[in-house]
Amino acid sequence: MQEFERQNEKIEMVTEVMGDAIDDALEGDEEEEETEELVNQVLDEIGIDVNQELVNAPSSAVAAPAAKGKVAQVETTGDEDSGIDSDLQARLDNLRRI
């Protein structure tokens, strides 16, 4: 009978710990929902409709204007990383041409 009581207490403790762990894991979802509701309420109060703004947003990429004047250049020191630096410099040069 004592063995049964010990096993029963052990199961109760495990059940309680598992229940607490599940409650803690699910608690974050409620906070996210509350946060989302609060953000939507504030946006509604100031008159911003996020869904409408997203529909009106441009869908194509906007090219940045080319920099006029001097542009900083990378100085190489002859270290082992010069291969990486030259690769990065080539990428940067390609981006500037766009």
PDB file of N, CA and C in Angstrom:
ATOM      1  N   MET A   1       0.819  -1.184   0.000  1.00  0.00           N
ATOM      2  CA  MET A   1       0.000   0.000   0.000  1.00  0.00           C
ATOM      3  C   MET A   1       0.869   1.258   0.000  1.00  0.00           C
ATOM      4  N   GLN A   2       1.977   1.228   0.742  1.00  0.00           N
ATOM      5  CA  GLN A   2       2.871   2.379   0.785  1.00  0.00           C
ATOM      6  C   GLN A   2       3.496   2.633  -0.587  1.00  0.00           C
ATOM      7  N   GLU A   3       3.814   1.565  -1.284  1.00  0.00           N
ATOM      8  CA  GLU A   3       4.384   1.700  -2.632  1.00  0.00           C
ATOM      9  C   GLU A   3       3.387   2.384  -3.558  1.00  0.00           C
ATOM     10  N   PHE A   4       2.124   2.025  -3.454  1.00  0.00           N
ATOM     11  CA  PHE A   4       1.076   2.644  -4.264  1.00  0.00           C
ATOM     12  C   PHE A   4       0.985   4.141  -3.969  1.00  0.00           C
ATOM     13  N   GLU A   5       1.040   4.515  -2.703  1.00  0.00           N
ATOM     14  CA  GLU A   5       0.961   5.924  -2.312  1.00  0.00           C
ATOM     15  C   GLU A   5       2.162   6.706  -2.856  1.00  0.00           C
ATOM     16  N   ARG A   6       3.349   6.111  -2.782  1.00  0.00           N
ATOM     17  CA  ARG A   6       4.545   6.776  -3.318  1.00  0.00           C
ATOM     18  C   ARG A   6       4.429   6.983  -4.822  1.00  0.00           C
ATOM     19  N   GLN A   7       3.985   5.943  -5.517  1.00  0.00           N
ATOM     20  CA  GLN A   7       3.823   6.058  -6.973  1.00  0.00           C
ATOM     21  C   GLN A   7       2.757   7.097  -7.317  1.00  0.00           C
ATOM     22  N   ASN A   8       1.686   7.126  -6.550  1.00  0.00           N
ATOM     23  CA  ASN A   8       0.613   8.084  -6.785  1.00  0.00           C
ATOM     24  C   ASN A   8       1.118   9.516  -6.583  1.00  0.00           C
ATOM     25  N   GLU A   9       1.879   9.762  -5.519  1.00  0.00           N
ATOM     26  CA  GLU A   9       2.448  11.080  -5.263  1.00  0.00           C
ATOM     27  C   GLU A   9       3.415  11.477  -6.377  1.00  0.00           C
ATOM     28  N   LYS A  10       4.201  10.506  -6.825  1.00  0.00           N
ATOM     29  CA  LYS A  10       5.154  10.773  -7.905  1.00  0.00           C
ATOM     30  C   LYS A  10       4.417  11.174  -9.178  1.00  0.00           C
ATOM     31  N   ILE A  11       3.346  10.465  -9.508  1.00  0.00           N
ATOM     32  CA  ILE A  11       2.563  10.786 -10.708  1.00  0.00           C
ATOM     33  C   ILE A  11       1.927  12.166 -10.578  1.00  0.00           C
ATOM     34  N   GLU A  12       1.427  12.498  -9.389  1.00  0.00           N
ATOM     35  CA  GLU A  12       0.828  13.813  -9.168  1.00  0.00           C
ATOM     36  C   GLU A  12       1.858  14.922  -9.373  1.00  0.00           C
ATOM     37  N   MET A  13       3.074  14.711  -8.866  1.00  0.00           N
ATOM     38  CA  MET A  13       4.125  15.715  -9.026  1.00  0.00           C
ATOM     39  C   MET A  13       4.499  15.880 -10.496  1.00  0.00           C
ATOM     40  N   VAL A  14       4.655  14.765 -11.204  1.00  0.00           N
ATOM     41  CA  VAL A  14       5.003  14.822 -12.622  1.00  0.00           C
ATOM     42  C   VAL A  14       3.896  15.519 -13.402  1.00  0.00           C
ATOM     43  N   THR A  15       2.642  15.204 -13.079  1.00  0.00           N
ATOM     44  CA  THR A  15       1.509  15.828 -13.756  1.00  0.00           C
ATOM     45  C   THR A  15       1.495  17.331 -13.508  1.00  0.00           C
ATOM     46  N   GLU A  16       1.777  17.744 -12.289  1.00  0.00           N
ATOM     47  CA  GLU A  16       1.795  19.165 -11.961  1.00  0.00           C
ATOM     48  C   GLU A  16       2.916  19.896 -12.708  1.00  0.00           C
ATOM     49  N   VAL A  17       4.099  19.281 -12.730  1.00  0.00           N
ATOM     50  CA  VAL A  17       5.232  19.893 -13.430  1.00  0.00           C
ATOM     51  C   VAL A  17       4.944  20.001 -14.924  1.00  0.00           C
ATOM     52  N   MET A  18       4.395  18.952 -15.509  1.00  0.00           N
ATOM     53  CA  MET A  18       4.062  18.978 -16.939  1.00  0.00           C
ATOM     54  C   MET A  18       2.984  20.020 -17.228  1.00  0.00           C
ATOM     55  N   GLY A  19       1.990  20.112 -16.368  1.00  0.00           N
ATOM     56  CA  GLY A  19       0.934  21.110 -16.538  1.00  0.00           C
ATOM     57  C   GLY A  19       1.494  22.520 -16.484  1.00  0.00           C
ATOM     58  N   ASP A  20       2.391  22.776 -15.529  1.00  0.00           N
ATOM     59  CA  ASP A  20       3.028  24.093 -15.429  1.00  0.00           C
ATOM     60  C   ASP A  20       3.855  24.402 -16.670  1.00  0.00           C
ATOM     61  N   ALA A  21       4.578  23.405 -17.167  1.00  0.00           N
ATOM     62  CA  ALA A  21       5.405  23.614 -18.360  1.00  0.00           C
ATOM     63  C   ALA A  21       4.537  23.933 -19.570  1.00  0.00           C
ATOM     64  N   ILE A  22       3.438  23.225 -19.717  1.00  0.00           N
ATOM     65  CA  ILE A  22       2.534  23.491 -20.847  1.00  0.00           C
ATOM     66  C   ILE A  22       1.910  24.871 -20.710  1.00  0.00           C
ATOM     67  N   ASP A  23       1.496  25.241 -19.500  1.00  0.00           N
ATOM     68  CA  ASP A  23       0.923  26.571 -19.282  1.00  0.00           C
ATOM     69  C   ASP A  23       1.927  27.665 -19.622  1.00  0.00           C
ATOM     70  N   ASP A  24       3.181  27.475 -19.211  1.00  0.00           N
ATOM     71  CA  ASP A  24       4.219  28.460 -19.518  1.00  0.00           C
ATOM     72  C   ASP A  24       4.457  28.569 -21.016  1.00  0.00           C
ATOM     73  N   ALA A  25       4.433  27.439 -21.703  1.00  0.00           N
ATOM     74  CA  ALA A  25       4.675  27.445 -23.146  1.00  0.00           C
ATOM     75  C   ALA A  25       3.540  28.132 -23.890  1.00  0.00           C
ATOM     76  N   LEU A  26       2.327  27.933 -23.460  1.00  0.00           N
ATOM     77  CA  LEU A  26       1.173  28.521 -24.143  1.00  0.00           C
ATOM     78  C   LEU A  26       0.919  29.960 -23.723  1.00  0.00           C
ATOM     79  N   GLU A  27       1.517  30.389 -22.637  1.00  0.00           N
ATOM     80  CA  GLU A  27       1.307  31.735 -22.128  1.00  0.00           C
ATOM     81  C   GLU A  27       1.788  32.792 -23.110  1.00  0.00           C
ATOM     82  N   GLY A  28       2.858  32.535 -23.828  1.00  0.00           N
ATOM     83  CA  GLY A  28       3.399  33.495 -24.790  1.00  0.00           C
ATOM     84  C   GLY A  28       2.437  33.786 -25.915  1.00  0.00           C
ATOM     85  N   ASP A  29       1.652  32.801 -26.332  1.00  0.00           N
ATOM     86  CA  ASP A  29       0.689  33.007 -27.408  1.00  0.00           C
ATOM     87  C   ASP A  29      -0.356  34.038 -27.013  1.00  0.00           C
ATOM     88  N   GLU A  30      -0.818  33.977 -25.779  1.00  0.00           N
ATOM     89  CA  GLU A  30      -1.807  34.938 -25.311  1.00  0.00           C
ATOM     90  C   GLU A  30      -1.220  36.343 -25.310  1.00  0.00           C
ATOM     91  N   GLU A  31       0.026  36.475 -24.892  1.00  0.00           N
ATOM     92  CA  GLU A  31       0.668  37.783 -24.870  1.00  0.00           C
ATOM     93  C   GLU A  31       0.810  38.340 -26.278  1.00  0.00           C
ATOM     94  N   GLU A  32       1.154  37.481 -27.240  1.00  0.00           N
ATOM     95  CA  GLU A  32       1.276  37.935 -28.624  1.00  0.00           C
ATOM     96  C   GLU A  32      -0.066  38.405 -29.156  1.00  0.00           C
ATOM     97  N   GLU A  33      -1.133  37.676 -28.847  1.00  0.00           N
ATOM     98  CA  GLU A  33      -2.464  38.068 -29.297  1.00  0.00           C
ATOM     99  C   GLU A  33      -2.868  39.394 -28.672  1.00  0.00           C
ATOM    100  N   GLU A  34      -2.598  39.562 -27.372  1.00  0.00           N
ATOM    101  CA  GLU A  34      -2.922  40.812 -26.698  1.00  0.00           C
ATOM    102  C   GLU A  34      -2.129  41.965 -27.299  1.00  0.00           C
ATOM    103  N   THR A  35      -0.862  41.734 -27.588  1.00  0.00           N
ATOM    104  CA  THR A  35      -0.024  42.766 -28.188  1.00  0.00           C
ATOM    105  C   THR A  35      -0.543  43.144 -29.561  1.00  0.00           C
ATOM    106  N   GLU A  36      -0.899  42.151 -30.358  1.00  0.00           N
ATOM    107  CA  GLU A  36      -1.429  42.401 -31.701  1.00  0.00           C
ATOM    108  C   GLU A  36      -2.723  43.205 -31.634  1.00  0.00           C
ATOM    109  N   GLU A  37      -3.603  42.855 -30.703  1.00  0.00           N
ATOM    110  CA  GLU A  37      -4.857  43.586 -30.545  1.00  0.00           C
ATOM    111  C   GLU A  37      -4.594  45.030 -30.142  1.00  0.00           C
ATOM    112  N   LEU A  38      -3.648  45.242 -29.231  1.00  0.00           N
ATOM    113  CA  LEU A  38      -3.337  46.590 -28.773  1.00  0.00           C
ATOM    114  C   LEU A  38      -2.744  47.428 -29.900  1.00  0.00           C
ATOM    115  N   VAL A  39      -1.846  46.844 -30.684  1.00  0.00           N
ATOM    116  CA  VAL A  39      -1.250  47.559 -31.817  1.00  0.00           C
ATOM    117  C   VAL A  39      -2.328  47.928 -32.825  1.00  0.00           C
ATOM    118  N   ASN A  40      -3.213  46.992 -33.133  1.00  0.00           N
ATOM    119  CA  ASN A  40      -4.296  47.278 -34.072  1.00  0.00           C
ATOM    120  C   ASN A  40      -5.220  48.363 -33.546  1.00  0.00           C
ATOM    121  N   GLN A  41      -5.483  48.360 -32.245  1.00  0.00           N
ATOM    122  CA  GLN A  41      -6.333  49.386 -31.652  1.00  0.00           C
ATOM    123  C   GLN A  41      -5.685  50.763 -31.791  1.00  0.00           C
ATOM    124  N   VAL A  42      -4.401  50.856 -31.514  1.00  0.00           N
ATOM    125  CA  VAL A  42      -3.694  52.137 -31.639  1.00  0.00           C
ATOM    126  C   VAL A  42      -3.686  52.602 -33.088  1.00  0.00           C
ATOM    127  N   LEU A  43      -3.418  51.694 -34.019  1.00  0.00           N
ATOM    128  CA  LEU A  43      -3.416  52.064 -35.434  1.00  0.00           C
ATOM    129  C   LEU A  43      -4.798  52.525 -35.882  1.00  0.00           C
ATOM    130  N   ASP A  44      -5.847  51.880 -35.395  1.00  0.00           N
ATOM    131  CA  ASP A  44      -7.208  52.307 -35.722  1.00  0.00           C
ATOM    132  C   ASP A  44      -7.486  53.698 -35.176  1.00  0.00           C
ATOM    133  N   GLU A  45      -7.000  53.979 -33.962  1.00  0.00           N
ATOM    134  CA  GLU A  45      -7.225  55.283 -33.348  1.00  0.00           C
ATOM    135  C   GLU A  45      -6.555  56.402 -34.131  1.00  0.00           C
ATOM    136  N   ILE A  46      -5.395  56.138 -34.699  1.00  0.00           N
ATOM    137  CA  ILE A  46      -4.712  57.193 -35.452  1.00  0.00           C
ATOM    138  C   ILE A  46      -5.058  57.145 -36.934  1.00  0.00           C
ATOM    139  N   GLY A  47      -5.937  56.238 -37.311  1.00  0.00           N
ATOM    140  CA  GLY A  47      -6.464  56.222 -38.672  1.00  0.00           C
ATOM    141  C   GLY A  47      -5.602  55.525 -39.698  1.00  0.00           C
ATOM    142  N   ILE A  48      -4.843  54.551 -39.288  1.00  0.00           N
ATOM    143  CA  ILE A  48      -4.004  53.821 -40.239  1.00  0.00           C
ATOM    144  C   ILE A  48      -4.592  52.430 -40.434  1.00  0.00           C
ATOM    145  N   ASP A  49      -4.877  52.097 -41.695  1.00  0.00           N
ATOM    146  CA  ASP A  49      -5.351  50.761 -42.034  1.00  0.00           C
ATOM    147  C   ASP A  49      -4.173  50.018 -42.657  1.00  0.00           C
ATOM    148  N   VAL A  50      -3.567  49.124 -41.892  1.00  0.00           N
ATOM    149  CA  VAL A  50      -2.355  48.434 -42.330  1.00  0.00           C
ATOM    150  C   VAL A  50      -2.606  47.643 -43.603  1.00  0.00           C
ATOM    151  N   ASN A  51      -3.712  46.940 -43.676  1.00  0.00           N
ATOM    152  CA  ASN A  51      -3.996  46.136 -44.868  1.00  0.00           C
ATOM    153  C   ASN A  51      -4.110  47.013 -46.107  1.00  0.00           C
ATOM    154  N   GLN A  52      -4.752  48.171 -45.991  1.00  0.00           N
ATOM    155  CA  GLN A  52      -4.883  49.077 -47.128  1.00  0.00           C
ATOM    156  C   GLN A  52      -3.518  49.646 -47.519  1.00  0.00           C
ATOM    157  N   GLU A  53      -2.696  49.966 -46.532  1.00  0.00           N
ATOM    158  CA  GLU A  53      -1.366  50.502 -46.812  1.00  0.00           C
ATOM    159  C   GLU A  53      -0.502  49.462 -47.521  1.00  0.00           C
ATOM    160  N   LEU A  54      -0.628  48.206 -47.143  1.00  0.00           N
ATOM    161  CA  LEU A  54       0.162  47.161 -47.788  1.00  0.00           C
ATOM    162  C   LEU A  54      -0.272  46.946 -49.227  1.00  0.00           C
ATOM    163  N   VAL A  55      -1.556  47.097 -49.505  1.00  0.00           N
ATOM    164  CA  VAL A  55      -2.047  46.951 -50.874  1.00  0.00           C
ATOM    165  C   VAL A  55      -1.494  48.075 -51.746  1.00  0.00           C
ATOM    166  N   ASN A  56      -1.393  49.275 -51.188  1.00  0.00           N
ATOM    167  CA  ASN A  56      -0.920  50.431 -51.944  1.00  0.00           C
ATOM    168  C   ASN A  56       0.603  50.508 -52.039  1.00  0.00           C
ATOM    169  N   ALA A  57       1.309  49.658 -51.324  1.00  0.00           N
ATOM    170  CA  ALA A  57       2.772  49.690 -51.337  1.00  0.00           C
ATOM    171  C   ALA A  57       3.294  49.240 -52.696  1.00  0.00           C
ATOM    172  N   PRO A  58       4.390  49.851 -53.155  1.00  0.00           N
ATOM    173  CA  PRO A  58       4.952  49.439 -54.448  1.00  0.00           C
ATOM    174  C   PRO A  58       5.473  48.007 -54.370  1.00  0.00           C
ATOM    175  N   SER A  59       5.304  47.279 -55.456  1.00  0.00           N
ATOM    176  CA  SER A  59       5.734  45.883 -55.456  1.00  0.00           C
ATOM    177  C   SER A  59       7.072  45.679 -56.148  1.00  0.00           C
ATOM    178  N   SER A  60       7.553  46.667 -56.888  1.00  0.00           N
ATOM    179  CA  SER A  60       8.840  46.521 -57.562  1.00  0.00           C
ATOM    180  C   SER A  60       9.938  47.146 -56.720  1.00  0.00           C
ATOM    181  N   ALA A  61      11.137  46.688 -56.942  1.00  0.00           N
ATOM    182  CA  ALA A  61      12.277  47.207 -56.194  1.00  0.00           C
ATOM    183  C   ALA A  61      12.599  48.616 -56.668  1.00  0.00           C
ATOM    184  N   VAL A  62      12.935  49.465 -55.735  1.00  0.00           N
ATOM    185  CA  VAL A  62      13.294  50.840 -56.050  1.00  0.00           C
ATOM    186  C   VAL A  62      14.808  50.944 -56.023  1.00  0.00           C
ATOM    187  N   ALA A  63      15.383  51.421 -57.123  1.00  0.00           N
ATOM    188  CA  ALA A  63      16.835  51.551 -57.203  1.00  0.00           C
ATOM    189  C   ALA A  63      17.275  52.799 -56.453  1.00  0.00           C
ATOM    190  N   ALA A  64      18.354  52.674 -55.717  1.00  0.00           N
ATOM    191  CA  ALA A  64      18.905  53.810 -54.997  1.00  0.00           C
ATOM    192  C   ALA A  64      19.639  54.699 -55.983  1.00  0.00           C
ATOM    193  N   PRO A  65      19.564  56.017 -55.796  1.00  0.00           N
ATOM    194  CA  PRO A  65      20.277  56.905 -56.709  1.00  0.00           C
ATOM    195  C   PRO A  65      21.783  56.701 -56.593  1.00  0.00           C
ATOM    196  N   ALA A  66      22.461  56.844 -57.712  1.00  0.00           N
ATOM    197  CA  ALA A  66      23.913  56.671 -57.729  1.00  0.00           C
ATOM    198  C   ALA A  66      24.564  57.794 -56.937  1.00  0.00           C
ATOM    199  N   ALA A  67      25.576  57.435 -56.180  1.00  0.00           N
ATOM    200  CA  ALA A  67      26.281  58.421 -55.380  1.00  0.00           C
ATOM    201  C   ALA A  67      27.121  59.311 -56.286  1.00  0.00           C
ATOM    202  N   LYS A  68      26.997  60.608 -56.073  1.00  0.00           N
ATOM    203  CA  LYS A  68      27.789  61.546 -56.857  1.00  0.00           C
ATOM    204  C   LYS A  68      28.961  61.998 -56.004  1.00  0.00           C
ATOM    205  N   GLY A  69      30.073  62.160 -56.627  1.00  0.00           N
ATOM    206  CA  GLY A  69      31.245  62.598 -55.894  1.00  0.00           C
ATOM    207  C   GLY A  69      32.135  61.429 -55.530  1.00  0.00           C
ATOM    208  N   LYS A  70      32.952  61.648 -54.531  1.00  0.00           N
ATOM    209  CA  LYS A  70      33.914  60.630 -54.133  1.00  0.00           C
ATOM    210  C   LYS A  70      33.251  59.552 -53.285  1.00  0.00           C
ATOM    211  N   VAL A  71      33.703  58.336 -53.500  1.00  0.00           N
ATOM    212  CA  VAL A  71      33.220  57.193 -52.742  1.00  0.00           C
ATOM    213  C   VAL A  71      34.423  56.546 -52.072  1.00  0.00           C
ATOM    214  N   ALA A  72      34.272  56.174 -50.813  1.00  0.00           N
ATOM    215  CA  ALA A  72      35.372  55.562 -50.072  1.00  0.00           C
ATOM    216  C   ALA A  72      35.783  54.245 -50.716  1.00  0.00           C
ATOM    217  N   GLN A  73      37.080  53.997 -50.745  1.00  0.00           N
ATOM    218  CA  GLN A  73      37.622  52.767 -51.306  1.00  0.00           C
ATOM    219  C   GLN A  73      38.281  51.968 -50.191  1.00  0.00           C
ATOM    220  N   VAL A  74      38.342  50.668 -50.374  1.00  0.00           N
ATOM    221  CA  VAL A  74      38.932  49.777 -49.386  1.00  0.00           C
ATOM    222  C   VAL A  74      40.437  49.712 -49.598  1.00  0.00           C
ATOM    223  N   GLU A  75      41.186  49.822 -48.498  1.00  0.00           N
ATOM    224  CA  GLU A  75      42.632  49.680 -48.576  1.00  0.00           C
ATOM    225  C   GLU A  75      42.988  48.252 -48.198  1.00  0.00           C
ATOM    226  N   THR A  76      43.827  47.616 -48.997  1.00  0.00           N
ATOM    227  CA  THR A  76      44.257  46.257 -48.681  1.00  0.00           C
ATOM    228  C   THR A  76      45.598  46.305 -47.980  1.00  0.00           C
ATOM    229  N   THR A  77      45.795  45.363 -47.050  1.00  0.00           N
ATOM    230  CA  THR A  77      47.032  45.331 -46.274  1.00  0.00           C
ATOM    231  C   THR A  77      47.894  44.142 -46.628  1.00  0.00           C
ATOM    232  N   GLY A  78      47.434  43.304 -47.549  1.00  0.00           N
ATOM    233  CA  GLY A  78      48.221  42.142 -47.936  1.00  0.00           C
ATOM    234  C   GLY A  78      48.042  40.967 -47.001  1.00  0.00           C
ATOM    235  N   ASP A  79      47.025  40.995 -46.152  1.00  0.00           N
ATOM    236  CA  ASP A  79      46.767  39.881 -45.238  1.00  0.00           C
ATOM    237  C   ASP A  79      46.196  38.695 -46.002  1.00  0.00           C
ATOM    238  N   GLU A  80      45.971  37.603 -45.272  1.00  0.00           N
ATOM    239  CA  GLU A  80      45.401  36.400 -45.870  1.00  0.00           C
ATOM    240  C   GLU A  80      43.976  36.629 -46.351  1.00  0.00           C
ATOM    241  N   ASP A  81      43.280  37.604 -45.800  1.00  0.00           N
ATOM    242  CA  ASP A  81      41.882  37.858 -46.130  1.00  0.00           C
ATOM    243  C   ASP A  81      41.716  38.693 -47.393  1.00  0.00           C
ATOM    244  N   SER A  82      42.781  38.959 -48.118  1.00  0.00           N
ATOM    245  CA  SER A  82      42.671  39.817 -49.295  1.00  0.00           C
ATOM    246  C   SER A  82      41.773  39.201 -50.355  1.00  0.00           C
ATOM    247  N   GLY A  83      41.682  37.885 -50.426  1.00  0.00           N
ATOM    248  CA  GLY A  83      40.779  37.224 -51.367  1.00  0.00           C
ATOM    249  C   GLY A  83      39.329  37.533 -51.043  1.00  0.00           C
ATOM    250  N   ILE A  84      39.013  37.519 -49.768  1.00  0.00           N
ATOM    251  CA  ILE A  84      37.659  37.859 -49.336  1.00  0.00           C
ATOM    252  C   ILE A  84      37.394  39.328 -49.591  1.00  0.00           C
ATOM    253  N   ASP A  85      38.390  40.184 -49.284  1.00  0.00           N
ATOM    254  CA  ASP A  85      38.227  41.612 -49.508  1.00  0.00           C
ATOM    255  C   ASP A  85      38.016  41.922 -50.981  1.00  0.00           C
ATOM    256  N   SER A  86      38.765  41.274 -51.846  1.00  0.00           N
ATOM    257  CA  SER A  86      38.611  41.545 -53.272  1.00  0.00           C
ATOM    258  C   SER A  86      37.250  41.068 -53.764  1.00  0.00           C
ATOM    259  N   ASP A  87      36.763  39.960 -53.220  1.00  0.00           N
ATOM    260  CA  ASP A  87      35.425  39.478 -53.579  1.00  0.00           C
ATOM    261  C   ASP A  87      34.363  40.474 -53.127  1.00  0.00           C
ATOM    262  N   LEU A  88      34.495  40.953 -51.897  1.00  0.00           N
ATOM    263  CA  LEU A  88      33.540  41.945 -51.396  1.00  0.00           C
ATOM    264  C   LEU A  88      33.623  43.241 -52.188  1.00  0.00           C
ATOM    265  N   GLN A  89      34.837  43.653 -52.557  1.00  0.00           N
ATOM    266  CA  GLN A  89      34.996  44.877 -53.345  1.00  0.00           C
ATOM    267  C   GLN A  89      34.345  44.715 -54.715  1.00  0.00           C
ATOM    268  N   ALA A  90      34.493  43.544 -55.330  1.00  0.00           N
ATOM    269  CA  ALA A  90      33.866  43.295 -56.629  1.00  0.00           C
ATOM    270  C   ALA A  90      32.350  43.346 -56.513  1.00  0.00           C
ATOM    271  N   ARG A  91      31.809  42.796 -55.452  1.00  0.00           N
ATOM    272  CA  ARG A  91      30.360  42.861 -55.238  1.00  0.00           C
ATOM    273  C   ARG A  91      29.903  44.306 -55.067  1.00  0.00           C
ATOM    274  N   LEU A  92      30.661  45.063 -54.281  1.00  0.00           N
ATOM    275  CA  LEU A  92      30.327  46.467 -54.051  1.00  0.00           C
ATOM    276  C   LEU A  92      30.376  47.254 -55.349  1.00  0.00           C
ATOM    277  N   ASP A  93      31.384  47.008 -56.165  1.00  0.00           N
ATOM    278  CA  ASP A  93      31.486  47.691 -57.458  1.00  0.00           C
ATOM    279  C   ASP A  93      30.301  47.352 -58.353  1.00  0.00           C
ATOM    280  N   ASN A  94      29.879  46.094 -58.342  1.00  0.00           N
ATOM    281  CA  ASN A  94      28.710  45.695 -59.135  1.00  0.00           C
ATOM    282  C   ASN A  94      27.454  46.406 -58.660  1.00  0.00           C
ATOM    283  N   LEU A  95      27.310  46.560 -57.356  1.00  0.00           N
ATOM    284  CA  LEU A  95      26.140  47.255 -56.825  1.00  0.00           C
ATOM    285  C   LEU A  95      26.148  48.734 -57.193  1.00  0.00           C
ATOM    286  N   ARG A  96      27.325  49.326 -57.240  1.00  0.00           N
ATOM    287  CA  ARG A  96      27.412  50.751 -57.583  1.00  0.00           C
ATOM    288  C   ARG A  96      27.045  51.001 -59.040  1.00  0.00           C
ATOM    289  N   ARG A  97      27.249  50.020 -59.898  1.00  0.00           N
ATOM    290  CA  ARG A  97      26.921  50.179 -61.318  1.00  0.00           C
ATOM    291  C   ARG A  97      25.419  50.194 -61.558  1.00  0.00           C
ATOM    292  N   ILE A  98      24.676  49.632 -60.648  1.00  0.00           N
ATOM    293  CA  ILE A  98      23.222  49.531 -60.834  1.00  0.00           C
ATOM    294  C   ILE A  98      22.564  50.878 -60.697  1.00  0.00           C
TER     295      ILE A  98
END
